[in-house]
Amino acid sequence: MTEPASEFHVPVRRLAVLGVPAAFVGVLCALLLWGLSALAGVVERLLWQSLPDGLGVARDTPLLVIGLLALAGLSTGLVIRYAPGHAGPDPATTELVSAPLPLGALPGLAVALVITLAGGVSLGPENPIMAINAGLVVALGMRFVRGVNAPQWLLISTAGTIGAMFGTPLAAALMFSELDPGDRRIPLWDRLFPALVSATTGALFMTKVADLDMAIDLPDYTWHGIGDLAWVSLVALVAAALGIAGAYVFDPLHRLLHRIGNPVVLLTLAGAVLGVLGVVGGTVTLFKGLDQMRELPGMVATTSAAGFLGLALVKLVAMLVASASGFRGGRIFPVVFVGAALGFAAHGFFPDLPVALAVAGATAGIVVAVTRSGWMSIFLVVVVVPDLDILVPVLFATLVAWLLVTNRPELLAKPVEVGGPHEPADGAGVDGTRVPDDGDADDREGQREQPADVREDGTQDAELADPAGHHDR
């Protein structure tokens, strides 16, 4: 019989002591994110400013765009093919938070991330920086701090990275409250205490060294009555449907692309395709999308509703191709751009629909379809459209969109076995991940039904179940 939470003795001193290394972890996670982003910024300026200026051509010259994206693909393919650990697993097949990587795989992954961010690939830093920070923090924590297990360090690292990425610990608090990790007999905030310390210090560091403002310059929203709920729900449903459509094609696209067994060839060709898409959509559809998203309001006078819809579709296709082909990057930030562009398109088609409401609804719909996280969807809308008056309509739209996305495929591909002479040994694919045989499929499905802190015999591991280290009763 489950014991009530009141029977647990919360070791306050242990929480306070663990808060010290957790604070350092937050700073470390932020430092790595900032450092890799700054390095990518330097390389980006060399490729997209200095090089065109030196050649005497415009930044949006088609041959330059296609050439630079193909170069990004070639470089990433070489890293994946030859770097130790193959620059980590294929992010198309892994969740945002996954098992820590060995230290040897982290340098290659860091190089691949810099190439993605600097080369104009339509992916963000989320998955790689999560993996880099987790691998380093777990290794250091297990080496130098006694009494804290690997799942605890993974939780603390994830929180620190999320806090740094968004400049606030609120994102981590919302995400973990939704996941509700650890032993549920222990109060949630006791379980999350060290993680939120890490998120706080990570956020504080990043706000001092970087501009994390994601807000779009939009007219203030004013409530117009119950009709606004209908409008925002309709926009969110359309955006969510588009996200679901992307999820349906993602796995088949991934399998199709990975018929090319050599990652160098695959990613070079994929980079060229991304370059063509960049020529079609313009440079505003390149890169992770946050800076480009803020350019959309200035394009209203020169871009039609169909034009904004085209930008959204090009960005979505570019994100799907980039992720499915094996570029190391995350999908959340590009999807936010897609949502914003869809919002401007909706406002263009229906001018009476307030643009802030349209952008908020579209962003909520497509983010909830891609992340399957209601809190993440609402949080991202609030930072993109920072207007508290819009919170109630957005919450309603998120709930409506949730009904549509429930039980639909997620934006996640299944690992595929890649044949050919370049395939690594021991059953690994070109990305270095082990490819289970068909006989393991049923076992994997069964394991997926169990929480990570449950043994095969159905009993709960107390240490793994309690990320905060509360074992006193």
Protein backbone atom coordinates (compact mmCIF):
# COMPACT_ATOMS: atom_id res chain seq x y z
CA MET A 1 0.00 0.00 0.00
CA THR A 2 1.34 3.42 -0.93
CA GLU A 3 2.47 5.48 2.03
CA PRO A 4 1.20 9.05 2.26
CA ALA A 5 3.65 11.83 1.56
CA SER A 6 3.28 13.07 5.16
CA GLU A 7 5.20 10.02 6.41
CA PHE A 8 8.34 11.10 4.58
CA HIS A 9 10.93 13.05 6.49
CA VAL A 10 12.25 15.68 4.08
CA PRO A 11 16.00 16.09 4.66
CA VAL A 12 16.18 19.89 4.45
CA ARG A 13 19.90 19.94 5.13
CA ARG A 14 20.52 17.53 2.28
CA LEU A 15 18.45 19.69 -0.05
CA ALA A 16 20.46 22.76 0.90
CA VAL A 17 23.79 20.96 0.48
CA LEU A 18 22.78 19.53 -2.90
CA GLY A 19 21.73 23.02 -3.97
CA VAL A 20 25.40 24.10 -4.05
CA PRO A 21 26.59 21.74 -6.83
CA ALA A 22 23.23 22.22 -8.55
CA ALA A 23 23.92 25.95 -8.73
CA PHE A 24 27.31 25.29 -10.32
CA VAL A 25 25.68 22.91 -12.80
CA GLY A 26 23.28 25.64 -13.89
CA VAL A 27 26.16 28.03 -14.57
CA LEU A 28 28.10 25.30 -16.40
CA CYS A 29 25.13 24.46 -18.62
CA ALA A 30 24.58 28.12 -19.43
CA LEU A 31 28.29 28.66 -20.08
CA LEU A 32 28.42 25.80 -22.57
CA LEU A 33 25.26 26.99 -24.35
CA TRP A 34 26.54 30.55 -24.52
CA GLY A 35 30.03 29.51 -25.61
CA LEU A 36 28.88 27.24 -28.42
CA SER A 37 26.30 29.80 -29.56
CA ALA A 38 28.92 32.55 -29.55
CA LEU A 39 31.32 30.38 -31.54
CA ALA A 40 28.56 29.61 -34.02
CA GLY A 41 27.87 33.34 -34.30
CA VAL A 42 31.49 34.03 -35.23
CA VAL A 43 31.47 31.30 -37.89
CA GLU A 44 28.09 32.52 -39.17
CA ARG A 45 29.41 36.06 -39.68
CA LEU A 46 32.41 34.70 -41.56
CA LEU A 47 30.25 32.57 -43.85
CA TRP A 48 27.24 34.82 -44.38
CA GLN A 49 28.78 38.30 -44.16
CA SER A 50 32.54 38.31 -44.70
CA LEU A 51 32.51 35.72 -47.48
CA PRO A 52 29.76 37.38 -49.59
CA ASP A 53 31.41 40.77 -49.09
CA GLY A 54 34.76 39.34 -50.16
CA LEU A 55 33.20 37.77 -53.24
CA GLY A 56 31.23 40.92 -54.03
CA VAL A 57 27.87 39.14 -54.04
CA ALA A 58 24.67 39.52 -52.06
CA ARG A 59 23.96 37.29 -49.10
CA ASP A 60 20.88 35.86 -50.79
CA THR A 61 22.62 34.94 -54.06
CA PRO A 62 21.17 31.50 -54.96
CA LEU A 63 24.49 29.79 -55.68
CA LEU A 64 25.94 31.10 -52.42
CA VAL A 65 22.97 29.93 -50.35
CA ILE A 66 22.95 26.48 -51.93
CA GLY A 67 26.73 26.20 -51.70
CA LEU A 68 26.91 27.16 -48.02
CA LEU A 69 24.13 24.76 -47.04
CA ALA A 70 25.75 21.96 -49.04
CA LEU A 71 29.04 22.77 -47.29
CA ALA A 72 27.27 22.56 -43.93
CA GLY A 73 25.95 19.15 -44.92
CA LEU A 74 29.35 17.94 -46.10
CA SER A 75 31.02 19.11 -42.89
CA THR A 76 28.38 17.53 -40.67
CA GLY A 77 28.56 14.28 -42.61
CA LEU A 78 32.34 14.13 -42.15
CA VAL A 79 31.95 14.73 -38.41
CA ILE A 80 29.31 12.03 -38.06
CA ARG A 81 31.32 9.59 -40.17
CA TYR A 82 34.72 10.04 -38.54
CA ALA A 83 34.35 11.68 -35.10
CA PRO A 84 34.47 9.42 -32.04
CA GLY A 85 30.95 8.44 -31.09
CA HIS A 86 29.64 9.63 -34.47
CA ALA A 87 28.50 12.94 -32.88
CA GLY A 88 25.89 11.17 -30.80
CA PRO A 89 22.70 9.40 -31.85
CA ASP A 90 20.44 10.56 -34.64
CA PRO A 91 18.29 13.31 -33.00
CA ALA A 92 15.38 12.38 -35.25
CA THR A 93 15.06 9.15 -33.27
CA THR A 94 15.54 10.50 -29.74
CA GLU A 95 13.48 12.53 -27.30
CA LEU A 96 14.55 15.98 -26.12
CA VAL A 97 15.86 14.38 -22.91
CA SER A 98 17.65 11.08 -23.43
CA ALA A 99 20.32 8.91 -21.82
CA PRO A 100 23.68 10.64 -21.22
CA LEU A 101 26.31 10.16 -23.92
CA PRO A 102 29.88 9.03 -23.24
CA LEU A 103 32.37 11.86 -22.98
CA GLY A 104 34.12 10.79 -26.17
CA ALA A 105 31.05 11.58 -28.27
CA LEU A 106 30.62 15.13 -26.96
CA PRO A 107 33.33 17.01 -28.95
CA GLY A 108 31.99 15.71 -32.26
CA LEU A 109 28.45 16.61 -31.26
CA ALA A 110 29.58 20.11 -30.26
CA VAL A 111 31.25 20.61 -33.66
CA ALA A 112 28.16 19.33 -35.46
CA LEU A 113 25.98 21.73 -33.44
CA VAL A 114 28.16 24.72 -34.33
CA ILE A 115 27.93 23.77 -38.01
CA THR A 116 24.14 23.54 -37.78
CA LEU A 117 23.75 26.91 -36.08
CA ALA A 118 26.30 28.73 -38.27
CA GLY A 119 25.49 27.09 -41.58
CA GLY A 120 21.88 28.25 -41.86
CA VAL A 121 20.28 24.84 -41.17
CA SER A 122 16.66 25.11 -39.98
CA LEU A 123 17.26 23.55 -36.58
CA GLY A 124 17.86 24.92 -33.09
CA PRO A 125 20.37 23.99 -30.37
CA GLU A 126 17.93 22.12 -28.09
CA ASN A 127 18.71 18.42 -28.51
CA PRO A 128 22.50 18.67 -28.94
CA ILE A 129 23.09 21.09 -26.06
CA MET A 130 20.88 18.97 -23.80
CA ALA A 131 22.98 15.91 -24.69
CA ILE A 132 26.31 17.73 -24.33
CA ASN A 133 25.44 19.18 -20.95
CA ALA A 134 23.93 15.94 -19.67
CA GLY A 135 26.94 13.85 -20.69
CA LEU A 136 29.40 16.24 -19.06
CA VAL A 137 27.38 16.88 -15.89
CA VAL A 138 26.63 13.20 -15.26
CA ALA A 139 30.28 12.25 -15.76
CA LEU A 140 31.60 15.01 -13.49
CA GLY A 141 28.87 14.58 -10.90
CA MET A 142 29.35 10.85 -10.60
CA ARG A 143 33.11 11.37 -10.33
CA PHE A 144 33.28 14.14 -7.76
CA VAL A 145 30.02 14.18 -5.76
CA ARG A 146 29.03 11.20 -3.63
CA GLY A 147 25.47 10.15 -2.87
CA VAL A 148 23.88 11.58 -6.03
CA ASN A 149 23.00 9.13 -8.79
CA ALA A 150 23.00 9.56 -12.56
CA PRO A 151 19.24 10.21 -12.95
CA GLN A 152 19.50 13.04 -10.43
CA TRP A 153 22.37 14.64 -12.35
CA LEU A 154 20.44 14.23 -15.60
CA LEU A 155 17.46 16.03 -14.06
CA ILE A 156 19.65 18.83 -12.72
CA SER A 157 21.47 19.21 -16.04
CA THR A 158 18.24 19.29 -18.03
CA ALA A 159 16.79 21.97 -15.78
CA GLY A 160 19.92 24.10 -15.99
CA THR A 161 19.95 23.89 -19.77
CA ILE A 162 16.26 24.76 -20.10
CA GLY A 163 16.66 27.70 -17.72
CA ALA A 164 19.62 28.95 -19.73
CA MET A 165 17.92 28.44 -23.09
CA PHE A 166 14.85 30.50 -22.21
CA GLY A 167 16.35 32.84 -19.62
CA THR A 168 13.92 31.83 -16.89
CA PRO A 169 13.55 28.86 -14.51
CA LEU A 170 9.80 28.97 -15.13
CA ALA A 171 10.15 26.86 -18.29
CA ALA A 172 11.91 24.10 -16.36
CA ALA A 173 9.39 24.27 -13.52
CA LEU A 174 6.47 23.92 -15.94
CA MET A 175 8.11 21.11 -17.88
CA PHE A 176 8.99 19.05 -14.81
CA SER A 177 5.64 19.64 -13.14
CA GLU A 178 4.09 18.12 -16.25
CA LEU A 179 6.48 15.17 -16.23
CA ASP A 180 6.20 14.81 -12.43
CA PRO A 181 9.50 12.90 -12.14
CA GLY A 182 10.62 10.76 -9.23
CA ASP A 183 8.76 9.17 -6.33
CA ARG A 184 5.28 10.71 -6.34
CA ARG A 185 4.90 10.09 -2.61
CA ILE A 186 7.36 12.93 -2.04
CA PRO A 187 6.12 16.52 -2.51
CA LEU A 188 6.91 17.77 -6.00
CA TRP A 189 8.94 20.81 -4.96
CA ASP A 190 11.14 18.66 -2.73
CA ARG A 191 11.88 16.44 -5.71
CA LEU A 192 12.54 19.42 -7.98
CA PHE A 193 14.47 21.61 -5.53
CA PRO A 194 18.04 20.97 -6.85
CA ALA A 195 16.82 21.01 -10.44
CA LEU A 196 15.16 24.39 -10.01
CA VAL A 197 18.27 25.77 -8.31
CA SER A 198 20.17 24.75 -11.43
CA ALA A 199 17.53 26.29 -13.68
CA THR A 200 17.69 29.55 -11.74
CA THR A 201 21.46 29.95 -11.88
CA GLY A 202 21.50 28.94 -15.54
CA ALA A 203 18.88 31.55 -16.34
CA LEU A 204 20.65 34.25 -14.32
CA PHE A 205 23.94 33.64 -16.12
CA MET A 206 22.40 33.72 -19.58
CA THR A 207 20.40 36.88 -18.98
CA LYS A 208 23.66 38.64 -18.10
CA VAL A 209 25.60 37.56 -21.18
CA ALA A 210 23.02 37.19 -23.95
CA ASP A 211 19.84 38.71 -25.34
CA LEU A 212 17.15 36.03 -25.01
CA ASP A 213 14.19 38.20 -25.96
CA MET A 214 11.89 36.15 -28.18
CA ALA A 215 9.03 38.67 -28.30
CA ILE A 216 7.63 39.79 -31.64
CA ASP A 217 6.69 43.46 -32.03
CA LEU A 218 2.90 43.21 -32.36
CA PRO A 219 -0.02 45.54 -31.66
CA ASP A 220 -1.52 45.13 -28.20
CA TYR A 221 -4.33 42.62 -28.00
CA THR A 222 -7.78 43.71 -26.83
CA TRP A 223 -10.52 41.24 -25.91
CA HIS A 224 -13.40 41.41 -28.39
CA GLY A 225 -15.73 38.89 -26.82
CA ILE A 226 -16.46 35.20 -27.06
CA GLY A 227 -15.81 35.25 -30.80
CA ASP A 228 -12.09 35.52 -30.06
CA LEU A 229 -12.17 32.05 -28.54
CA ALA A 230 -13.64 30.65 -31.74
CA TRP A 231 -11.05 32.41 -33.90
CA VAL A 232 -8.04 31.42 -31.83
CA SER A 233 -9.28 27.83 -31.59
CA LEU A 234 -9.74 27.59 -35.34
CA VAL A 235 -6.24 28.95 -35.99
CA ALA A 236 -4.75 26.59 -33.40
CA LEU A 237 -6.53 23.60 -34.95
CA VAL A 238 -5.23 24.40 -38.42
CA ALA A 239 -1.70 24.85 -37.09
CA ALA A 240 -1.92 21.64 -35.07
CA ALA A 241 -3.18 19.77 -38.14
CA LEU A 242 -0.15 21.00 -40.07
CA GLY A 243 2.12 19.79 -37.28
CA ILE A 244 0.41 16.39 -37.30
CA ALA A 245 0.83 16.18 -41.07
CA GLY A 246 4.56 16.76 -40.56
CA ALA A 247 4.64 13.98 -37.97
CA TYR A 248 2.95 11.56 -40.38
CA VAL A 249 5.57 12.12 -43.10
CA PHE A 250 8.57 12.39 -40.77
CA ASP A 251 9.27 8.71 -40.21
CA PRO A 252 8.78 7.68 -43.88
CA LEU A 253 11.01 10.60 -44.93
CA HIS A 254 13.64 9.49 -42.43
CA ARG A 255 13.59 5.92 -43.77
CA LEU A 256 13.76 7.15 -47.36
CA LEU A 257 16.71 9.46 -46.78
CA HIS A 258 18.66 6.87 -44.81
CA ARG A 259 18.64 4.48 -47.71
CA ILE A 260 21.75 6.48 -48.55
CA GLY A 261 24.11 4.63 -46.25
CA ASN A 262 26.97 7.11 -46.30
CA PRO A 263 26.30 10.12 -44.02
CA VAL A 264 28.69 12.32 -45.98
CA VAL A 265 26.75 11.82 -49.21
CA LEU A 266 23.37 11.96 -47.46
CA LEU A 267 23.99 15.21 -45.61
CA THR A 268 25.70 16.93 -48.53
CA LEU A 269 22.66 16.24 -50.70
CA ALA A 270 20.30 17.22 -47.89
CA GLY A 271 22.24 20.46 -47.41
CA ALA A 272 21.84 21.26 -51.09
CA VAL A 273 18.10 20.65 -50.80
CA LEU A 274 17.99 22.99 -47.80
CA GLY A 275 19.82 25.56 -49.91
CA VAL A 276 17.20 25.31 -52.64
CA LEU A 277 14.48 25.74 -50.02
CA GLY A 278 16.37 28.76 -48.70
CA VAL A 279 16.39 30.28 -52.17
CA VAL A 280 12.65 29.64 -52.53
CA GLY A 281 11.72 31.00 -49.10
CA GLY A 282 14.44 33.61 -48.77
CA THR A 283 17.07 33.92 -46.07
CA VAL A 284 14.34 34.61 -43.50
CA THR A 285 13.58 30.87 -43.59
CA LEU A 286 17.18 29.90 -42.77
CA PHE A 287 18.77 29.28 -39.35
CA LYS A 288 16.92 28.33 -36.18
CA GLY A 289 14.28 31.00 -36.72
CA LEU A 290 14.18 33.16 -33.58
CA ASP A 291 15.95 36.23 -34.99
CA GLN A 292 14.23 35.74 -38.34
CA MET A 293 10.83 35.52 -36.60
CA ARG A 294 11.22 39.10 -35.41
CA GLU A 295 11.57 40.22 -39.03
CA LEU A 296 8.02 39.13 -39.87
CA PRO A 297 6.19 42.29 -38.67
CA GLY A 298 8.34 44.42 -40.99
CA MET A 299 7.31 42.24 -43.94
CA VAL A 300 3.57 42.85 -43.58
CA ALA A 301 3.54 45.71 -46.06
CA THR A 302 5.27 43.70 -48.77
CA THR A 303 4.11 40.13 -48.13
CA SER A 304 0.65 38.73 -48.81
CA ALA A 305 -1.21 36.19 -46.72
CA ALA A 306 -0.24 33.52 -49.23
CA GLY A 307 3.36 34.69 -48.95
CA PHE A 308 3.41 34.20 -45.17
CA LEU A 309 1.80 30.79 -45.63
CA GLY A 310 4.56 29.94 -48.09
CA LEU A 311 7.23 30.99 -45.57
CA ALA A 312 5.65 28.71 -42.95
CA LEU A 313 5.51 25.74 -45.32
CA VAL A 314 9.08 26.22 -46.56
CA LYS A 315 10.36 26.46 -42.98
CA LEU A 316 8.42 23.35 -41.95
CA VAL A 317 9.73 21.33 -44.90
CA ALA A 318 13.27 22.55 -44.26
CA MET A 319 13.02 21.52 -40.62
CA LEU A 320 11.72 18.06 -41.56
CA VAL A 321 14.47 17.52 -44.15
CA ALA A 322 17.22 18.79 -41.85
CA SER A 323 16.14 16.66 -38.92
CA ALA A 324 15.32 13.52 -40.91
CA SER A 325 18.65 13.59 -42.74
CA GLY A 326 20.72 13.66 -39.54
CA PHE A 327 21.78 17.27 -38.95
CA ARG A 328 22.40 17.71 -35.23
CA GLY A 329 19.78 20.12 -33.94
CA GLY A 330 16.39 20.55 -32.29
CA ARG A 331 12.96 21.13 -33.75
CA ILE A 332 11.25 23.43 -31.23
CA PHE A 333 12.64 26.82 -32.26
CA PRO A 334 12.03 26.36 -36.01
CA VAL A 335 8.47 25.30 -35.23
CA VAL A 336 7.92 28.55 -33.32
CA PHE A 337 8.86 30.43 -36.51
CA VAL A 338 6.35 28.29 -38.43
CA GLY A 339 3.65 29.17 -35.91
CA ALA A 340 4.42 32.89 -36.11
CA ALA A 341 4.37 32.88 -39.93
CA LEU A 342 1.08 30.97 -39.90
CA GLY A 343 -0.34 33.60 -37.57
CA PHE A 344 0.58 36.41 -39.96
CA ALA A 345 -0.96 34.39 -42.79
CA ALA A 346 -4.20 33.93 -40.84
CA HIS A 347 -4.34 37.66 -40.12
CA GLY A 348 -3.74 38.38 -43.80
CA PHE A 349 -6.57 36.11 -44.90
CA PHE A 350 -8.91 37.47 -42.19
CA PRO A 351 -7.94 41.08 -41.40
CA ASP A 352 -10.53 41.35 -38.60
CA LEU A 353 -8.61 38.68 -36.69
CA PRO A 354 -6.14 40.49 -34.37
CA VAL A 355 -2.62 39.65 -35.45
CA ALA A 356 -1.44 39.01 -31.88
CA LEU A 357 -4.28 36.53 -31.35
CA ALA A 358 -3.54 34.84 -34.68
CA VAL A 359 0.17 34.47 -33.93
CA ALA A 360 -0.54 33.19 -30.43
CA GLY A 361 -3.10 30.64 -31.60
CA ALA A 362 -0.98 29.32 -34.45
CA THR A 363 2.10 29.04 -32.25
CA ALA A 364 0.15 27.23 -29.54
CA GLY A 365 -1.35 24.79 -32.00
CA ILE A 366 1.79 23.73 -33.82
CA VAL A 367 4.01 23.65 -30.71
CA VAL A 368 1.60 21.40 -28.85
CA ALA A 369 1.47 19.11 -31.91
CA VAL A 370 5.27 18.86 -32.07
CA THR A 371 6.19 18.78 -28.37
CA ARG A 372 3.06 17.17 -26.86
CA SER A 373 3.57 19.50 -23.94
CA GLY A 374 0.74 21.84 -23.04
CA TRP A 375 2.87 23.85 -20.63
CA MET A 376 5.68 24.24 -23.14
CA SER A 377 3.16 25.45 -25.72
CA ILE A 378 1.65 28.05 -23.39
CA PHE A 379 5.07 29.18 -22.15
CA LEU A 380 6.42 29.72 -25.65
CA VAL A 381 3.34 31.68 -26.68
CA VAL A 382 3.70 33.95 -23.67
CA VAL A 383 7.34 34.73 -24.45
CA VAL A 384 6.60 35.30 -28.15
CA VAL A 385 3.45 37.38 -27.50
CA PRO A 386 4.07 38.79 -23.99
CA ASP A 387 0.54 40.06 -23.39
CA LEU A 388 -1.26 38.73 -20.31
CA ASP A 389 -4.64 39.54 -21.85
CA ILE A 390 -4.01 36.83 -24.41
CA LEU A 391 -3.33 34.10 -21.83
CA VAL A 392 -6.94 32.92 -21.41
CA PRO A 393 -7.65 32.59 -25.16
CA VAL A 394 -4.32 30.80 -25.63
CA LEU A 395 -5.05 28.33 -22.84
CA PHE A 396 -8.43 27.60 -24.41
CA ALA A 397 -6.85 27.16 -27.86
CA THR A 398 -4.21 24.82 -26.42
CA LEU A 399 -6.90 22.62 -24.89
CA VAL A 400 -8.78 22.49 -28.17
CA ALA A 401 -5.62 21.63 -30.09
CA TRP A 402 -4.78 18.98 -27.50
CA LEU A 403 -7.96 17.11 -28.41
CA LEU A 404 -6.77 16.96 -32.02
CA VAL A 405 -3.20 15.83 -31.35
CA THR A 406 -4.04 13.17 -28.76
CA ASN A 407 -3.23 9.66 -30.05
CA ARG A 408 -1.65 11.08 -33.22
CA PRO A 409 1.92 10.20 -34.28
CA GLU A 410 4.70 12.17 -32.64
CA LEU A 411 7.40 13.97 -34.58
CA LEU A 412 9.84 11.13 -33.97
CA ALA A 413 11.43 8.60 -36.31
CA LYS A 414 12.23 4.98 -35.61
CA PRO A 415 15.89 3.95 -35.88
CA VAL A 416 16.63 2.30 -39.22
CA GLU A 417 19.32 -0.18 -40.11
CA VAL A 418 21.67 1.16 -42.71
CA GLY A 419 23.58 -1.33 -44.85
CA GLY A 420 26.68 -0.87 -46.91
CA PRO A 421 30.39 -1.01 -46.42
CA HIS A 422 30.51 2.13 -44.29
CA GLU A 423 28.19 0.84 -41.61
CA PRO A 424 29.91 0.79 -38.19
CA ALA A 425 30.36 -2.53 -36.48
CA ASP A 426 28.35 -4.02 -33.63
CA GLY A 427 24.98 -3.33 -35.18
CA ALA A 428 25.33 0.45 -35.17
CA GLY A 429 23.90 2.76 -37.79
CA VAL A 430 25.83 5.54 -39.48
CA ASP A 431 25.10 7.79 -36.52
CA GLY A 432 26.70 5.41 -34.05
CA THR A 433 23.51 4.21 -32.39
CA ARG A 434 22.81 0.54 -31.96
CA VAL A 435 20.03 -0.69 -34.21
CA PRO A 436 17.97 -3.39 -32.44
CA ASP A 437 16.89 -6.35 -34.50
CA ASP A 438 13.25 -7.03 -35.15
CA GLY A 439 13.13 -9.49 -32.30
CA ASP A 440 13.71 -6.67 -29.85
CA ALA A 441 10.68 -4.70 -31.01
CA ASP A 442 8.20 -6.28 -28.64
CA ASP A 443 10.60 -5.87 -25.73
CA ARG A 444 11.06 -2.18 -26.53
CA GLU A 445 7.31 -1.62 -26.69
CA GLY A 446 6.87 -3.32 -23.34
CA GLN A 447 9.65 -1.31 -21.75
CA ARG A 448 8.12 1.91 -23.02
CA GLU A 449 5.06 1.27 -20.92
CA GLN A 450 7.10 1.24 -17.69
CA PRO A 451 8.50 4.32 -15.94
CA ALA A 452 12.26 4.55 -15.84
CA ASP A 453 12.34 3.89 -12.10
CA VAL A 454 10.63 0.49 -12.31
CA ARG A 455 12.59 -2.75 -12.50
CA GLU A 456 11.69 -5.55 -14.84
CA ASP A 457 10.04 -7.40 -11.95
CA GLY A 458 7.72 -4.47 -11.36
CA THR A 459 9.32 -3.22 -8.13
CA GLN A 460 10.48 0.33 -7.76
CA ASP A 461 14.10 1.29 -7.33
CA ALA A 462 14.05 3.77 -4.46
CA GLU A 463 17.21 5.55 -5.52
CA LEU A 464 16.15 6.03 -9.13
CA ALA A 465 12.62 6.94 -8.10
CA ASP A 466 13.77 9.86 -6.01
CA PRO A 467 15.79 12.45 -7.89
CA ALA A 468 16.03 14.65 -4.81
CA GLY A 469 17.59 11.91 -2.67
CA HIS A 470 14.77 11.64 -0.10
CA HIS A 471 15.05 8.17 1.39
CA ASP A 472 14.22 8.97 5.02
CA ARG A 473 10.72 8.04 6.08
